[in-house]
PDB file of all heavy atoms in Angstrom:
ATOM      1  N   ALA A   1      15.718  -2.845  -4.812  1.00  0.00           N
ATOM      2  CA  ALA A   1      15.302  -4.078  -4.169  1.00  0.00           C
ATOM      3  C   ALA A   1      15.248  -3.959  -2.649  1.00  0.00           C
ATOM      4  O   ALA A   1      14.376  -4.556  -2.021  1.00  0.00           O
ATOM      5  CB  ALA A   1      16.309  -5.221  -4.514  1.00  0.00           C
ATOM      6  N   THR A   2      16.079  -3.047  -2.056  1.00  0.00           N
ATOM      7  CA  THR A   2      16.078  -2.889  -0.632  1.00  0.00           C
ATOM      8  C   THR A   2      14.807  -2.381  -0.096  1.00  0.00           C
ATOM      9  O   THR A   2      14.106  -2.990   0.796  1.00  0.00           O
ATOM     10  CB  THR A   2      17.270  -2.015  -0.202  1.00  0.00           C
ATOM     11  OG1 THR A   2      18.449  -2.573  -0.590  1.00  0.00           O
ATOM     12  CG2 THR A   2      17.295  -1.805   1.261  1.00  0.00           C
ATOM     13  N   PRO A   3      14.304  -1.221  -0.544  1.00  0.00           N
ATOM     14  CA  PRO A   3      12.946  -0.726  -0.020  1.00  0.00           C
ATOM     15  C   PRO A   3      11.835  -1.705  -0.404  1.00  0.00           C
ATOM     16  O   PRO A   3      10.843  -1.759   0.344  1.00  0.00           O
ATOM     17  CB  PRO A   3      12.785   0.636  -0.740  1.00  0.00           C
ATOM     18  CG  PRO A   3      13.693   0.638  -1.891  1.00  0.00           C
ATOM     19  CD  PRO A   3      14.846  -0.275  -1.481  1.00  0.00           C
ATOM     20  N   VAL A   4      11.922  -2.361  -1.498  1.00  0.00           N
ATOM     21  CA  VAL A   4      10.833  -3.264  -1.860  1.00  0.00           C
ATOM     22  C   VAL A   4      10.748  -4.432  -0.934  1.00  0.00           C
ATOM     23  O   VAL A   4       9.666  -4.864  -0.508  1.00  0.00           O
ATOM     24  CB  VAL A   4      11.013  -3.751  -3.315  1.00  0.00           C
ATOM     25  CG1 VAL A   4      10.069  -4.897  -3.575  1.00  0.00           C
ATOM     26  CG2 VAL A   4      10.763  -2.685  -4.330  1.00  0.00           C
ATOM     27  N   ARG A   5      11.967  -5.009  -0.525  1.00  0.00           N
ATOM     28  CA  ARG A   5      11.899  -6.121   0.395  1.00  0.00           C
ATOM     29  C   ARG A   5      11.426  -5.665   1.751  1.00  0.00           C
ATOM     30  O   ARG A   5      10.570  -6.411   2.419  1.00  0.00           O
ATOM     31  CB  ARG A   5      13.381  -6.636   0.587  1.00  0.00           C
ATOM     32  CG  ARG A   5      13.911  -7.386  -0.614  1.00  0.00           C
ATOM     33  CD  ARG A   5      15.116  -8.208  -0.247  1.00  0.00           C
ATOM     34  NE  ARG A   5      15.861  -8.654  -1.421  1.00  0.00           N
ATOM     35  CZ  ARG A   5      16.880  -8.080  -1.970  1.00  0.00           C
ATOM     36  NH1 ARG A   5      17.386  -6.959  -1.378  1.00  0.00           N
ATOM     37  NH2 ARG A   5      17.530  -8.530  -3.043  1.00  0.00           N
ATOM     38  N   ALA A   6      11.894  -4.480   2.226  1.00  0.00           N
ATOM     39  CA  ALA A   6      11.394  -3.995   3.484  1.00  0.00           C
ATOM     40  C   ALA A   6       9.906  -3.748   3.470  1.00  0.00           C
ATOM     41  O   ALA A   6       9.167  -4.040   4.418  1.00  0.00           O
ATOM     42  CB  ALA A   6      12.162  -2.707   3.868  1.00  0.00           C
ATOM     43  N   ALA A   7       9.391  -3.182   2.374  1.00  0.00           N
ATOM     44  CA  ALA A   7       7.974  -2.921   2.246  1.00  0.00           C
ATOM     45  C   ALA A   7       7.157  -4.220   2.208  1.00  0.00           C
ATOM     46  O   ALA A   7       6.066  -4.233   2.834  1.00  0.00           O
ATOM     47  CB  ALA A   7       7.710  -2.101   0.923  1.00  0.00           C
ATOM     48  N   ALA A   8       7.666  -5.229   1.499  1.00  0.00           N
ATOM     49  CA  ALA A   8       6.937  -6.491   1.498  1.00  0.00           C
ATOM     50  C   ALA A   8       6.791  -7.081   2.851  1.00  0.00           C
ATOM     51  O   ALA A   8       5.748  -7.592   3.229  1.00  0.00           O
ATOM     52  CB  ALA A   8       7.627  -7.483   0.562  1.00  0.00           C
ATOM     53  N   LEU A   9       7.845  -6.982   3.719  1.00  0.00           N
ATOM     54  CA  LEU A   9       7.778  -7.558   5.034  1.00  0.00           C
ATOM     55  C   LEU A   9       6.748  -6.739   5.927  1.00  0.00           C
ATOM     56  O   LEU A   9       5.908  -7.290   6.606  1.00  0.00           O
ATOM     57  CB  LEU A   9       9.168  -7.423   5.696  1.00  0.00           C
ATOM     58  CG  LEU A   9       9.268  -7.939   7.157  1.00  0.00           C
ATOM     59  CD1 LEU A   9       8.840  -9.380   7.248  1.00  0.00           C
ATOM     60  CD2 LEU A   9      10.649  -7.665   7.665  1.00  0.00           C
ATOM     61  N   LEU A  10       6.810  -5.360   5.805  1.00  0.00           N
ATOM     62  CA  LEU A  10       5.908  -4.579   6.573  1.00  0.00           C
ATOM     63  C   LEU A  10       4.450  -4.801   6.167  1.00  0.00           C
ATOM     64  O   LEU A  10       3.547  -4.819   6.939  1.00  0.00           O
ATOM     65  CB  LEU A  10       6.269  -3.111   6.475  1.00  0.00           C
ATOM     66  CG  LEU A  10       7.472  -2.699   7.326  1.00  0.00           C
ATOM     67  CD1 LEU A  10       7.905  -1.242   6.851  1.00  0.00           C
ATOM     68  CD2 LEU A  10       7.192  -2.709   8.734  1.00  0.00           C
ATOM     69  N   LEU A  11       4.247  -4.986   4.799  1.00  0.00           N
ATOM     70  CA  LEU A  11       2.958  -5.145   4.237  1.00  0.00           C
ATOM     71  C   LEU A  11       2.364  -6.432   4.756  1.00  0.00           C
ATOM     72  O   LEU A  11       1.147  -6.530   5.039  1.00  0.00           O
ATOM     73  CB  LEU A  11       2.952  -5.109   2.750  1.00  0.00           C
ATOM     74  CG  LEU A  11       1.636  -5.029   2.042  1.00  0.00           C
ATOM     75  CD1 LEU A  11       0.823  -3.759   2.489  1.00  0.00           C
ATOM     76  CD2 LEU A  11       1.759  -5.011   0.577  1.00  0.00           C
ATOM     77  N   ALA A  12       3.133  -7.479   4.897  1.00  0.00           N
ATOM     78  CA  ALA A  12       2.676  -8.776   5.357  1.00  0.00           C
ATOM     79  C   ALA A  12       2.195  -8.599   6.803  1.00  0.00           C
ATOM     80  O   ALA A  12       1.188  -9.184   7.230  1.00  0.00           O
ATOM     81  CB  ALA A  12       3.795  -9.799   5.289  1.00  0.00           C
ATOM     82  N   VAL A  13       2.936  -7.799   7.634  1.00  0.00           N
ATOM     83  CA  VAL A  13       2.515  -7.640   9.023  1.00  0.00           C
ATOM     84  C   VAL A  13       1.216  -6.798   9.066  1.00  0.00           C
ATOM     85  O   VAL A  13       0.305  -7.092   9.766  1.00  0.00           O
ATOM     86  CB  VAL A  13       3.625  -6.803   9.754  1.00  0.00           C
ATOM     87  CG1 VAL A  13       3.160  -6.445  11.121  1.00  0.00           C
ATOM     88  CG2 VAL A  13       4.848  -7.637   9.866  1.00  0.00           C
ATOM     89  N   ALA A  14       1.070  -5.773   8.184  1.00  0.00           N
ATOM     90  CA  ALA A  14      -0.048  -4.934   8.173  1.00  0.00           C
ATOM     91  C   ALA A  14      -1.341  -5.716   7.812  1.00  0.00           C
ATOM     92  O   ALA A  14      -2.391  -5.475   8.239  1.00  0.00           O
ATOM     93  CB  ALA A  14       0.117  -3.726   7.207  1.00  0.00           C
ATOM     94  N   ALA A  15      -1.133  -6.695   6.814  1.00  0.00           N
ATOM     95  CA  ALA A  15      -2.271  -7.388   6.303  1.00  0.00           C
ATOM     96  C   ALA A  15      -2.755  -8.510   7.278  1.00  0.00           C
ATOM     97  O   ALA A  15      -3.824  -9.076   7.113  1.00  0.00           O
ATOM     98  CB  ALA A  15      -1.901  -8.026   4.995  1.00  0.00           C
ATOM     99  N   ALA A  16      -1.952  -8.851   8.251  1.00  0.00           N
ATOM    100  CA  ALA A  16      -2.298  -9.963   9.171  1.00  0.00           C
ATOM    101  C   ALA A  16      -3.529  -9.558   9.956  1.00  0.00           C
ATOM    102  O   ALA A  16      -3.537  -8.515  10.653  1.00  0.00           O
ATOM    103  CB  ALA A  16      -1.118 -10.285  10.130  1.00  0.00           C
ATOM    104  N   PRO A  17      -4.618 -10.369   9.901  1.00  0.00           N
ATOM    105  CA  PRO A  17      -5.817  -9.959  10.537  1.00  0.00           C
ATOM    106  C   PRO A  17      -5.686  -9.990  12.110  1.00  0.00           C
ATOM    107  O   PRO A  17      -5.080 -10.857  12.680  1.00  0.00           O
ATOM    108  CB  PRO A  17      -6.862 -11.043  10.115  1.00  0.00           C
ATOM    109  CG  PRO A  17      -6.000 -12.196   9.734  1.00  0.00           C
ATOM    110  CD  PRO A  17      -4.685 -11.663   9.251  1.00  0.00           C
ATOM    111  N   GLY A  18      -6.326  -8.937  12.712  1.00  0.00           N
ATOM    112  CA  GLY A  18      -6.409  -8.941  14.170  1.00  0.00           C
ATOM    113  C   GLY A  18      -5.157  -8.667  14.927  1.00  0.00           C
ATOM    114  O   GLY A  18      -5.140  -8.828  16.151  1.00  0.00           O
ATOM    115  N   CYS A  19      -4.083  -8.274  14.239  1.00  0.00           N
ATOM    116  CA  CYS A  19      -2.774  -8.129  14.966  1.00  0.00           C
ATOM    117  C   CYS A  19      -2.593  -6.699  15.446  1.00  0.00           C
ATOM    118  O   CYS A  19      -1.769  -6.445  16.336  1.00  0.00           O
ATOM    119  CB  CYS A  19      -1.622  -8.386  13.998  1.00  0.00           C
ATOM    120  SG  CYS A  19      -1.376  -7.238  12.698  1.00  0.00           S
ATOM    121  N   SER A  20      -3.415  -5.745  15.021  1.00  0.00           N
ATOM    122  CA  SER A  20      -3.093  -4.375  15.273  1.00  0.00           C
ATOM    123  C   SER A  20      -3.049  -4.054  16.790  1.00  0.00           C
ATOM    124  O   SER A  20      -2.036  -3.605  17.271  1.00  0.00           O
ATOM    125  CB  SER A  20      -4.192  -3.471  14.582  1.00  0.00           C
ATOM    126  OG  SER A  20      -3.975  -2.093  14.966  1.00  0.00           O
ATOM    127  N   HIS A  21      -4.122  -4.277  17.527  1.00  0.00           N
ATOM    128  CA  HIS A  21      -4.183  -3.867  18.891  1.00  0.00           C
ATOM    129  C   HIS A  21      -3.287  -4.679  19.778  1.00  0.00           C
ATOM    130  O   HIS A  21      -2.574  -4.231  20.631  1.00  0.00           O
ATOM    131  CB  HIS A  21      -5.652  -3.930  19.412  1.00  0.00           C
ATOM    132  CG  HIS A  21      -6.542  -3.050  18.638  1.00  0.00           C
ATOM    133  ND1 HIS A  21      -6.493  -1.646  18.754  1.00  0.00           N
ATOM    134  CD2 HIS A  21      -7.608  -3.316  17.773  1.00  0.00           C
ATOM    135  CE1 HIS A  21      -7.426  -1.118  17.970  1.00  0.00           C
ATOM    136  NE2 HIS A  21      -8.069  -2.084  17.402  1.00  0.00           N
ATOM    137  N   ALA A  22      -3.276  -6.049  19.541  1.00  0.00           N
ATOM    138  CA  ALA A  22      -2.411  -6.884  20.364  1.00  0.00           C
ATOM    139  C   ALA A  22      -0.958  -6.516  20.305  1.00  0.00           C
ATOM    140  O   ALA A  22      -0.261  -6.437  21.306  1.00  0.00           O
ATOM    141  CB  ALA A  22      -2.677  -8.375  20.000  1.00  0.00           C
ATOM    142  N   VAL A  23      -0.492  -6.412  19.085  1.00  0.00           N
ATOM    143  CA  VAL A  23       0.957  -6.094  18.898  1.00  0.00           C
ATOM    144  C   VAL A  23       1.296  -4.716  19.454  1.00  0.00           C
ATOM    145  O   VAL A  23       2.264  -4.521  20.100  1.00  0.00           O
ATOM    146  CB  VAL A  23       1.354  -6.209  17.441  1.00  0.00           C
ATOM    147  CG1 VAL A  23       2.750  -5.781  17.218  1.00  0.00           C
ATOM    148  CG2 VAL A  23       1.096  -7.572  16.928  1.00  0.00           C
ATOM    149  N   ARG A  24       0.488  -3.727  19.210  1.00  0.00           N
ATOM    150  CA  ARG A  24       0.674  -2.375  19.642  1.00  0.00           C
ATOM    151  C   ARG A  24       0.775  -2.331  21.133  1.00  0.00           C
ATOM    152  O   ARG A  24       1.651  -1.575  21.617  1.00  0.00           O
ATOM    153  CB  ARG A  24      -0.408  -1.461  19.084  1.00  0.00           C
ATOM    154  CG  ARG A  24      -0.149   0.023  19.425  1.00  0.00           C
ATOM    155  CD  ARG A  24      -1.264   0.871  19.003  1.00  0.00           C
ATOM    156  NE  ARG A  24      -2.479   0.672  19.755  1.00  0.00           N
ATOM    157  CZ  ARG A  24      -3.640   1.236  19.474  1.00  0.00           C
ATOM    158  NH1 ARG A  24      -3.767   1.973  18.435  1.00  0.00           N
ATOM    159  NH2 ARG A  24      -4.635   0.962  20.266  1.00  0.00           N
ATOM    160  N   LYS A  25      -0.038  -3.013  21.842  1.00  0.00           N
ATOM    161  CA  LYS A  25      -0.098  -2.850  23.297  1.00  0.00           C
ATOM    162  C   LYS A  25       0.909  -3.727  24.008  1.00  0.00           C
ATOM    163  O   LYS A  25       1.256  -3.430  25.172  1.00  0.00           O
ATOM    164  CB  LYS A  25      -1.527  -3.201  23.761  1.00  0.00           C
ATOM    165  CG  LYS A  25      -2.580  -2.218  23.352  1.00  0.00           C
ATOM    166  CD  LYS A  25      -3.901  -2.563  23.911  1.00  0.00           C
ATOM    167  CE  LYS A  25      -5.010  -1.532  23.488  1.00  0.00           C
ATOM    168  NZ  LYS A  25      -6.341  -1.928  23.984  1.00  0.00           N
ATOM    169  N   THR A  26       1.412  -4.782  23.408  1.00  0.00           N
ATOM    170  CA  THR A  26       2.311  -5.761  24.085  1.00  0.00           C
ATOM    171  C   THR A  26       3.740  -5.601  23.590  1.00  0.00           C
ATOM    172  O   THR A  26       4.650  -5.307  24.355  1.00  0.00           O
ATOM    173  CB  THR A  26       1.788  -7.136  23.925  1.00  0.00           C
ATOM    174  OG1 THR A  26       1.752  -7.499  22.524  1.00  0.00           O
ATOM    175  CG2 THR A  26       0.420  -7.345  24.528  1.00  0.00           C
ATOM    176  N   HIS A  27       3.967  -5.908  22.369  1.00  0.00           N
ATOM    177  CA  HIS A  27       5.332  -6.002  21.880  1.00  0.00           C
ATOM    178  C   HIS A  27       5.877  -4.607  21.406  1.00  0.00           C
ATOM    179  O   HIS A  27       7.060  -4.329  21.693  1.00  0.00           O
ATOM    180  CB  HIS A  27       5.407  -6.980  20.746  1.00  0.00           C
ATOM    181  CG  HIS A  27       5.013  -8.382  21.152  1.00  0.00           C
ATOM    182  ND1 HIS A  27       5.640  -9.148  22.068  1.00  0.00           N
ATOM    183  CD2 HIS A  27       3.890  -9.165  20.711  1.00  0.00           C
ATOM    184  CE1 HIS A  27       4.994 -10.314  22.223  1.00  0.00           C
ATOM    185  NE2 HIS A  27       3.943 -10.302  21.412  1.00  0.00           N
ATOM    186  N   ASP A  28       5.165  -3.920  20.624  1.00  0.00           N
ATOM    187  CA  ASP A  28       5.686  -2.712  19.992  1.00  0.00           C
ATOM    188  C   ASP A  28       5.687  -1.486  20.829  1.00  0.00           C
ATOM    189  O   ASP A  28       6.523  -0.623  20.611  1.00  0.00           O
ATOM    190  CB  ASP A  28       4.895  -2.464  18.665  1.00  0.00           C
ATOM    191  CG  ASP A  28       5.253  -3.377  17.549  1.00  0.00           C
ATOM    192  OD1 ASP A  28       6.127  -4.234  17.848  1.00  0.00           O
ATOM    193  OD2 ASP A  28       4.622  -3.374  16.516  1.00  0.00           O
ATOM    194  N   GLU A  29       4.878  -1.362  21.825  1.00  0.00           N
ATOM    195  CA  GLU A  29       4.759  -0.087  22.541  1.00  0.00           C
ATOM    196  C   GLU A  29       5.999   0.381  23.217  1.00  0.00           C
ATOM    197  O   GLU A  29       6.402   1.530  23.113  1.00  0.00           O
ATOM    198  CB  GLU A  29       3.575  -0.147  23.565  1.00  0.00           C
ATOM    199  CG  GLU A  29       3.336   1.246  24.158  1.00  0.00           C
ATOM    200  CD  GLU A  29       1.966   1.372  24.742  1.00  0.00           C
ATOM    201  OE1 GLU A  29       0.999   0.790  24.231  1.00  0.00           O
ATOM    202  OE2 GLU A  29       1.839   1.979  25.755  1.00  0.00           O
ATOM    203  N   PRO A  30       6.757  -0.537  23.952  1.00  0.00           N
ATOM    204  CA  PRO A  30       7.988   0.012  24.449  1.00  0.00           C
ATOM    205  C   PRO A  30       8.994   0.572  23.404  1.00  0.00           C
ATOM    206  O   PRO A  30       9.650   1.573  23.673  1.00  0.00           O
ATOM    207  CB  PRO A  30       8.558  -1.224  25.191  1.00  0.00           C
ATOM    208  CG  PRO A  30       7.389  -2.129  25.454  1.00  0.00           C
ATOM    209  CD  PRO A  30       6.446  -1.905  24.284  1.00  0.00           C
ATOM    210  N   VAL A  31       9.122  -0.130  22.346  1.00  0.00           N
ATOM    211  CA  VAL A  31       9.985   0.360  21.233  1.00  0.00           C
ATOM    212  C   VAL A  31       9.426   1.669  20.693  1.00  0.00           C
ATOM    213  O   VAL A  31      10.205   2.648  20.513  1.00  0.00           O
ATOM    214  CB  VAL A  31      10.100  -0.659  20.113  1.00  0.00           C
ATOM    215  CG1 VAL A  31      10.886  -0.101  18.958  1.00  0.00           C
ATOM    216  CG2 VAL A  31      10.711  -1.953  20.617  1.00  0.00           C
ATOM    217  N   ASN A  32       8.122   1.713  20.444  1.00  0.00           N
ATOM    218  CA  ASN A  32       7.552   2.981  19.883  1.00  0.00           C
ATOM    219  C   ASN A  32       7.776   4.109  20.895  1.00  0.00           C
ATOM    220  O   ASN A  32       7.985   5.249  20.466  1.00  0.00           O
ATOM    221  CB  ASN A  32       6.047   2.745  19.730  1.00  0.00           C
ATOM    222  CG  ASN A  32       5.728   1.935  18.433  1.00  0.00           C
ATOM    223  OD1 ASN A  32       6.533   1.872  17.502  1.00  0.00           O
ATOM    224  ND2 ASN A  32       4.620   1.319  18.420  1.00  0.00           N
TER     225      ASN A  32
END
């Protein structure tokens, strides 16, 4: 259940339209 829950959350983020470039450049890049 642990990997399934984590995967479901990530998949919801991946499926969100138009989020790729904005999130990558603003929120995620320092962490990455």
